[in-house]
All heavy atoms as atom14 arrays in JSON, in Angstrom:
{
  "sequence": "RVAFCGFSPGFGYLTGLPAERTVPRRASPRARVA",
  "atom14_mask": [
    [1, 1, 1, 1, 1, 1, 1, 1, 1, 1, 1, 0, 0, 0],
    [1, 1, 1, 1, 1, 1, 1, 0, 0, 0, 0, 0, 0, 0],
    [1, 1, 1, 1, 1, 0, 0, 0, 0, 0, 0, 0, 0, 0],
    [1, 1, 1, 1, 1, 1, 1, 1, 1, 1, 1, 0, 0, 0],
    [1, 1, 1, 1, 1, 1, 0, 0, 0, 0, 0, 0, 0, 0],
    [1, 1, 1, 1, 0, 0, 0, 0, 0, 0, 0, 0, 0, 0],
    [1, 1, 1, 1, 1, 1, 1, 1, 1, 1, 1, 0, 0, 0],
    [1, 1, 1, 1, 1, 1, 0, 0, 0, 0, 0, 0, 0, 0],
    [1, 1, 1, 1, 1, 1, 1, 0, 0, 0, 0, 0, 0, 0],
    [1, 1, 1, 1, 0, 0, 0, 0, 0, 0, 0, 0, 0, 0],
    [1, 1, 1, 1, 1, 1, 1, 1, 1, 1, 1, 0, 0, 0],
    [1, 1, 1, 1, 0, 0, 0, 0, 0, 0, 0, 0, 0, 0],
    [1, 1, 1, 1, 1, 1, 1, 1, 1, 1, 1, 1, 0, 0],
    [1, 1, 1, 1, 1, 1, 1, 1, 0, 0, 0, 0, 0, 0],
    [1, 1, 1, 1, 1, 1, 1, 0, 0, 0, 0, 0, 0, 0],
    [1, 1, 1, 1, 0, 0, 0, 0, 0, 0, 0, 0, 0, 0],
    [1, 1, 1, 1, 1, 1, 1, 1, 0, 0, 0, 0, 0, 0],
    [1, 1, 1, 1, 1, 1, 1, 0, 0, 0, 0, 0, 0, 0],
    [1, 1, 1, 1, 1, 0, 0, 0, 0, 0, 0, 0, 0, 0],
    [1, 1, 1, 1, 1, 1, 1, 1, 1, 0, 0, 0, 0, 0],
    [1, 1, 1, 1, 1, 1, 1, 1, 1, 1, 1, 0, 0, 0],
    [1, 1, 1, 1, 1, 1, 1, 0, 0, 0, 0, 0, 0, 0],
    [1, 1, 1, 1, 1, 1, 1, 0, 0, 0, 0, 0, 0, 0],
    [1, 1, 1, 1, 1, 1, 1, 0, 0, 0, 0, 0, 0, 0],
    [1, 1, 1, 1, 1, 1, 1, 1, 1, 1, 1, 0, 0, 0],
    [1, 1, 1, 1, 1, 1, 1, 1, 1, 1, 1, 0, 0, 0],
    [1, 1, 1, 1, 1, 0, 0, 0, 0, 0, 0, 0, 0, 0],
    [1, 1, 1, 1, 1, 1, 0, 0, 0, 0, 0, 0, 0, 0],
    [1, 1, 1, 1, 1, 1, 1, 0, 0, 0, 0, 0, 0, 0],
    [1, 1, 1, 1, 1, 1, 1, 1, 1, 1, 1, 0, 0, 0],
    [1, 1, 1, 1, 1, 0, 0, 0, 0, 0, 0, 0, 0, 0],
    [1, 1, 1, 1, 1, 1, 1, 1, 1, 1, 1, 0, 0, 0],
    [1, 1, 1, 1, 1, 1, 1, 0, 0, 0, 0, 0, 0, 0],
    [1, 1, 1, 1, 1, 0, 0, 0, 0, 0, 0, 0, 0, 0]
  ],
  "atom14_positions": [
    [[-6.07, 26.99, -27.05], [-6.25, 28.34, -27.62], [-5.15, 28.57, -28.56], [-4.0, 28.44, -28.21], [-6.42, 29.44, -26.56], [-6.82, 30.72, -27.15], [-6.7, 31.87, -25.99], [-5.46, 32.02, -25.51], [-4.43, 32.85, -26.07], [-4.83, 33.53, -27.22], [-3.3, 32.91, -25.66], [0.0, 0.0, 0.0], [0.0, 0.0, 0.0], [0.0, 0.0, 0.0]],
    [[-5.38, 29.13, -29.8], [-4.46, 29.62, -30.72], [-3.79, 30.83, -30.22], [-4.46, 31.93, -30.13], [-5.01, 29.72, -32.04], [-3.93, 30.11, -33.07], [-5.77, 28.44, -32.62], [0.0, 0.0, 0.0], [0.0, 0.0, 0.0], [0.0, 0.0, 0.0], [0.0, 0.0, 0.0], [0.0, 0.0, 0.0], [0.0, 0.0, 0.0], [0.0, 0.0, 0.0]],
    [[-2.53, 30.76, -29.84], [-1.85, 31.86, -29.34], [-1.39, 32.83, -30.44], [-1.48, 34.07, -30.46], [-0.62, 31.47, -28.5], [0.0, 0.0, 0.0], [0.0, 0.0, 0.0], [0.0, 0.0, 0.0], [0.0, 0.0, 0.0], [0.0, 0.0, 0.0], [0.0, 0.0, 0.0], [0.0, 0.0, 0.0], [0.0, 0.0, 0.0], [0.0, 0.0, 0.0]],
    [[-0.87, 32.14, -31.58], [-0.37, 32.86, -32.77], [-0.29, 31.86, -33.8], [-0.46, 30.65, -33.65], [0.91, 33.62, -32.57], [1.96, 32.71, -32.0], [2.97, 32.34, -32.95], [2.2, 32.4, -30.69], [4.0, 31.54, -32.6], [3.29, 31.62, -30.3], [4.2, 31.09, -31.25], [0.0, 0.0, 0.0], [0.0, 0.0, 0.0], [0.0, 0.0, 0.0]],
    [[-0.08, 32.42, -35.01], [0.12, 31.59, -36.2], [1.55, 31.84, -36.85], [1.99, 33.05, -36.74], [-0.94, 31.79, -37.22], [-2.61, 31.37, -36.59], [0.0, 0.0, 0.0], [0.0, 0.0, 0.0], [0.0, 0.0, 0.0], [0.0, 0.0, 0.0], [0.0, 0.0, 0.0], [0.0, 0.0, 0.0], [0.0, 0.0, 0.0], [0.0, 0.0, 0.0]],
    [[2.03, 30.94, -37.57], [3.39, 31.11, -38.21], [3.85, 29.74, -38.81], [3.03, 28.8, -38.89], [0.0, 0.0, 0.0], [0.0, 0.0, 0.0], [0.0, 0.0, 0.0], [0.0, 0.0, 0.0], [0.0, 0.0, 0.0], [0.0, 0.0, 0.0], [0.0, 0.0, 0.0], [0.0, 0.0, 0.0], [0.0, 0.0, 0.0], [0.0, 0.0, 0.0]],
    [[5.14, 29.81, -39.16], [5.79, 28.62, -39.62], [5.35, 28.31, -41.07], [6.24, 28.24, -42.09], [5.61, 27.48, -38.85], [6.25, 26.17, -39.36], [7.56, 26.03, -39.71], [5.35, 25.09, -39.63], [8.1, 24.89, -40.18], [5.94, 23.94, -40.08], [7.25, 23.81, -40.39], [0.0, 0.0, 0.0], [0.0, 0.0, 0.0], [0.0, 0.0, 0.0]],
    [[4.08, 28.14, -41.35], [3.51, 27.87, -42.75], [2.12, 28.33, -42.7], [1.51, 28.49, -41.65], [3.7, 26.41, -43.15], [2.8, 25.54, -42.29], [0.0, 0.0, 0.0], [0.0, 0.0, 0.0], [0.0, 0.0, 0.0], [0.0, 0.0, 0.0], [0.0, 0.0, 0.0], [0.0, 0.0, 0.0], [0.0, 0.0, 0.0], [0.0, 0.0, 0.0]],
    [[1.56, 28.71, -43.81], [0.12, 29.06, -43.81], [-0.85, 28.25, -43.17], [-0.82, 27.03, -43.53], [-0.15, 29.27, -45.37], [1.12, 29.53, -45.96], [2.17, 28.6, -45.16], [0.0, 0.0, 0.0], [0.0, 0.0, 0.0], [0.0, 0.0, 0.0], [0.0, 0.0, 0.0], [0.0, 0.0, 0.0], [0.0, 0.0, 0.0], [0.0, 0.0, 0.0]],
    [[-1.57, 28.72, -42.14], [-2.61, 27.97, -41.47], [-2.02, 27.18, -40.26], [-2.84, 26.54, -39.48], [0.0, 0.0, 0.0], [0.0, 0.0, 0.0], [0.0, 0.0, 0.0], [0.0, 0.0, 0.0], [0.0, 0.0, 0.0], [0.0, 0.0, 0.0], [0.0, 0.0, 0.0], [0.0, 0.0, 0.0], [0.0, 0.0, 0.0], [0.0, 0.0, 0.0]],
    [[-0.8, 27.4, -39.97], [-0.23, 26.55, -38.84], [-0.41, 27.54, -37.49], [0.05, 28.53, -37.38], [1.29, 26.38, -38.95], [1.89, 25.44, -37.86], [2.12, 24.07, -38.17], [2.23, 25.91, -36.59], [2.64, 23.36, -37.25], [2.67, 25.03, -35.53], [2.97, 23.72, -36.01], [0.0, 0.0, 0.0], [0.0, 0.0, 0.0], [0.0, 0.0, 0.0]],
    [[-1.21, 27.01, -36.52], [-1.57, 27.61, -35.29], [-0.71, 27.09, -34.22], [-0.68, 25.79, -34.1], [0.0, 0.0, 0.0], [0.0, 0.0, 0.0], [0.0, 0.0, 0.0], [0.0, 0.0, 0.0], [0.0, 0.0, 0.0], [0.0, 0.0, 0.0], [0.0, 0.0, 0.0], [0.0, 0.0, 0.0], [0.0, 0.0, 0.0], [0.0, 0.0, 0.0]],
    [[-0.16, 27.92, -33.27], [0.59, 27.53, -32.03], [-0.54, 27.44, -30.98], [-0.98, 28.51, -30.54], [1.77, 28.32, -31.86], [2.88, 28.27, -32.76], [2.81, 28.77, -34.04], [4.05, 27.56, -32.45], [3.89, 28.65, -34.94], [5.04, 27.46, -33.26], [4.98, 28.06, -34.54], [6.08, 27.83, -35.39], [0.0, 0.0, 0.0], [0.0, 0.0, 0.0]],
    [[-0.78, 26.25, -30.53], [-1.91, 26.14, -29.54], [-1.47, 25.89, -28.16], [-0.44, 25.05, -27.88], [-2.78, 24.88, -29.92], [-3.76, 25.0, -31.04], [-3.12, 25.32, -32.32], [-4.52, 23.65, -31.19], [0.0, 0.0, 0.0], [0.0, 0.0, 0.0], [0.0, 0.0, 0.0], [0.0, 0.0, 0.0], [0.0, 0.0, 0.0], [0.0, 0.0, 0.0]],
    [[-1.88, 26.73, -27.2], [-1.46, 26.57, -25.82], [-2.68, 26.03, -25.11], [-3.76, 26.01, -25.36], [-1.1, 27.84, -25.21], [-2.21, 28.85, -25.38], [0.12, 28.57, -25.85], [0.0, 0.0, 0.0], [0.0, 0.0, 0.0], [0.0, 0.0, 0.0], [0.0, 0.0, 0.0], [0.0, 0.0, 0.0], [0.0, 0.0, 0.0], [0.0, 0.0, 0.0]],
    [[-2.34, 25.49, -23.82], [-3.37, 24.92, -23.06], [-2.86, 23.87, -22.03], [-3.27, 23.6, -20.99], [0.0, 0.0, 0.0], [0.0, 0.0, 0.0], [0.0, 0.0, 0.0], [0.0, 0.0, 0.0], [0.0, 0.0, 0.0], [0.0, 0.0, 0.0], [0.0, 0.0, 0.0], [0.0, 0.0, 0.0], [0.0, 0.0, 0.0], [0.0, 0.0, 0.0]],
    [[-1.87, 23.11, -22.51], [-1.28, 21.97, -21.73], [-0.58, 22.66, -20.5], [0.04, 23.68, -20.62], [-0.3, 21.13, -22.58], [-0.99, 20.17, -23.48], [0.04, 19.61, -24.34], [-1.9, 19.17, -22.84], [0.0, 0.0, 0.0], [0.0, 0.0, 0.0], [0.0, 0.0, 0.0], [0.0, 0.0, 0.0], [0.0, 0.0, 0.0], [0.0, 0.0, 0.0]],
    [[-0.57, 21.98, -19.39], [0.22, 22.48, -18.17], [1.8, 22.54, -18.48], [2.13, 21.78, -19.28], [-0.21, 21.58, -17.04], [-0.61, 20.32, -17.73], [-1.31, 20.82, -19.02], [0.0, 0.0, 0.0], [0.0, 0.0, 0.0], [0.0, 0.0, 0.0], [0.0, 0.0, 0.0], [0.0, 0.0, 0.0], [0.0, 0.0, 0.0], [0.0, 0.0, 0.0]],
    [[2.36, 23.29, -17.81], [3.79, 23.49, -17.83], [4.62, 22.21, -17.74], [5.62, 22.01, -18.51], [4.36, 24.47, -16.89], [0.0, 0.0, 0.0], [0.0, 0.0, 0.0], [0.0, 0.0, 0.0], [0.0, 0.0, 0.0], [0.0, 0.0, 0.0], [0.0, 0.0, 0.0], [0.0, 0.0, 0.0], [0.0, 0.0, 0.0], [0.0, 0.0, 0.0]],
    [[4.12, 21.32, -16.96], [4.92, 20.05, -16.71], [4.7, 19.15, -17.96], [5.44, 18.05, -18.02], [4.47, 19.29, -15.57], [2.95, 18.89, -15.45], [2.08, 19.91, -14.78], [2.47, 21.14, -14.82], [0.93, 19.62, -14.31], [0.0, 0.0, 0.0], [0.0, 0.0, 0.0], [0.0, 0.0, 0.0], [0.0, 0.0, 0.0], [0.0, 0.0, 0.0]],
    [[3.86, 19.45, -18.88], [3.7, 18.72, -20.16], [4.56, 19.25, -21.36], [4.35, 18.76, -22.46], [2.29, 18.59, -20.6], [1.31, 17.91, -19.53], [1.81, 16.58, -19.07], [0.93, 15.92, -18.29], [1.29, 14.81, -17.53], [2.52, 14.6, -17.38], [0.33, 14.06, -16.91], [0.0, 0.0, 0.0], [0.0, 0.0, 0.0], [0.0, 0.0, 0.0]],
    [[5.42, 20.1, -20.97], [6.3, 20.6, -22.14], [7.24, 19.47, -22.55], [7.66, 18.68, -21.7], [7.24, 21.73, -21.49], [6.46, 22.87, -21.26], [8.27, 22.26, -22.44], [0.0, 0.0, 0.0], [0.0, 0.0, 0.0], [0.0, 0.0, 0.0], [0.0, 0.0, 0.0], [0.0, 0.0, 0.0], [0.0, 0.0, 0.0], [0.0, 0.0, 0.0]],
    [[7.42, 19.35, -23.93], [8.34, 18.38, -24.41], [9.3, 18.91, -25.37], [8.92, 19.94, -25.98], [7.41, 17.22, -25.15], [6.46, 16.58, -24.27], [6.76, 17.83, -26.4], [0.0, 0.0, 0.0], [0.0, 0.0, 0.0], [0.0, 0.0, 0.0], [0.0, 0.0, 0.0], [0.0, 0.0, 0.0], [0.0, 0.0, 0.0], [0.0, 0.0, 0.0]],
    [[10.48, 18.39, -25.42], [11.48, 18.89, -26.36], [11.17, 18.55, -27.83], [10.43, 17.6, -28.0], [12.76, 18.26, -25.81], [12.28, 17.0, -25.45], [11.0, 17.2, -24.76], [0.0, 0.0, 0.0], [0.0, 0.0, 0.0], [0.0, 0.0, 0.0], [0.0, 0.0, 0.0], [0.0, 0.0, 0.0], [0.0, 0.0, 0.0], [0.0, 0.0, 0.0]],
    [[11.74, 19.3, -28.76], [11.57, 19.05, -30.13], [12.6, 17.7, -30.34], [13.45, 17.41, -29.58], [12.13, 20.09, -30.98], [11.16, 21.31, -30.99], [11.88, 22.48, -31.76], [11.05, 23.67, -31.73], [10.15, 24.03, -32.85], [10.13, 23.21, -33.85], [9.5, 25.07, -32.73], [0.0, 0.0, 0.0], [0.0, 0.0, 0.0], [0.0, 0.0, 0.0]],
    [[12.36, 17.01, -31.46], [13.15, 15.86, -31.78], [14.6, 16.37, -31.96], [14.88, 17.47, -32.53], [12.73, 15.2, -33.05], [11.39, 14.36, -32.85], [10.79, 13.93, -34.18], [11.87, 13.24, -35.01], [12.28, 11.97, -34.89], [11.7, 11.32, -34.0], [13.19, 11.59, -35.68], [0.0, 0.0, 0.0], [0.0, 0.0, 0.0], [0.0, 0.0, 0.0]],
    [[15.56, 15.62, -31.51], [16.92, 15.84, -31.79], [17.21, 15.95, -33.26], [18.07, 16.88, -33.74], [17.8, 14.86, -31.13], [0.0, 0.0, 0.0], [0.0, 0.0, 0.0], [0.0, 0.0, 0.0], [0.0, 0.0, 0.0], [0.0, 0.0, 0.0], [0.0, 0.0, 0.0], [0.0, 0.0, 0.0], [0.0, 0.0, 0.0], [0.0, 0.0, 0.0]],
    [[16.6, 15.1, -34.11], [16.82, 15.17, -35.56], [15.45, 15.39, -36.25], [14.64, 14.56, -36.24], [17.43, 13.88, -36.11], [18.62, 13.67, -35.5], [0.0, 0.0, 0.0], [0.0, 0.0, 0.0], [0.0, 0.0, 0.0], [0.0, 0.0, 0.0], [0.0, 0.0, 0.0], [0.0, 0.0, 0.0], [0.0, 0.0, 0.0], [0.0, 0.0, 0.0]],
    [[15.23, 16.52, -36.77], [14.01, 16.8, -37.44], [13.78, 15.88, -38.69], [14.69, 15.35, -39.28], [14.11, 18.23, -38.01], [15.18, 18.86, -37.16], [16.08, 17.73, -36.82], [0.0, 0.0, 0.0], [0.0, 0.0, 0.0], [0.0, 0.0, 0.0], [0.0, 0.0, 0.0], [0.0, 0.0, 0.0], [0.0, 0.0, 0.0], [0.0, 0.0, 0.0]],
    [[12.47, 15.57, -38.98], [12.13, 14.67, -40.09], [12.18, 15.57, -41.28], [11.95, 16.71, -41.39], [10.64, 14.11, -39.93], [10.62, 13.03, -38.81], [9.25, 12.55, -38.68], [9.07, 11.46, -37.74], [8.86, 11.55, -36.39], [8.75, 12.77, -35.91], [8.86, 10.51, -35.66], [0.0, 0.0, 0.0], [0.0, 0.0, 0.0], [0.0, 0.0, 0.0]],
    [[12.62, 14.98, -42.44], [12.75, 15.62, -43.67], [11.35, 15.96, -44.25], [11.18, 16.87, -44.94], [13.55, 14.83, -44.73], [0.0, 0.0, 0.0], [0.0, 0.0, 0.0], [0.0, 0.0, 0.0], [0.0, 0.0, 0.0], [0.0, 0.0, 0.0], [0.0, 0.0, 0.0], [0.0, 0.0, 0.0], [0.0, 0.0, 0.0], [0.0, 0.0, 0.0]],
    [[10.35, 15.15, -43.95], [8.96, 15.28, -44.36], [8.0, 14.9, -43.28], [7.99, 13.7, -42.83], [8.73, 14.51, -45.65], [7.43, 14.78, -46.36], [7.18, 14.07, -47.56], [5.86, 14.39, -48.15], [4.7, 13.88, -47.93], [4.57, 13.03, -46.81], [3.63, 14.37, -48.6], [0.0, 0.0, 0.0], [0.0, 0.0, 0.0], [0.0, 0.0, 0.0]],
    [[7.08, 15.75, -42.91], [6.01, 15.48, -42.06], [4.68, 15.63, -42.82], [4.53, 16.62, -43.54], [6.02, 16.4, -40.87], [4.74, 16.17, -39.93], [7.23, 16.14, -40.01], [0.0, 0.0, 0.0], [0.0, 0.0, 0.0], [0.0, 0.0, 0.0], [0.0, 0.0, 0.0], [0.0, 0.0, 0.0], [0.0, 0.0, 0.0], [0.0, 0.0, 0.0]],
    [[3.87, 14.56, -42.8], [2.64, 14.56, -43.67], [1.65, 15.69, -43.13], [1.53, 15.97, -41.97], [2.01, 13.26, -43.58], [0.0, 0.0, 0.0], [0.0, 0.0, 0.0], [0.0, 0.0, 0.0], [0.0, 0.0, 0.0], [0.0, 0.0, 0.0], [0.0, 0.0, 0.0], [0.0, 0.0, 0.0], [0.0, 0.0, 0.0], [0.0, 0.0, 0.0]]
  ]
}
């Protein structure tokens, strides 16, 4: 389910995975994500 939108136009933050499936962000962000 789309909980809210942000970051860039059209980017939805989707919830639904159980708490034990939480994952950290990458230690080093990529300069470009397609």
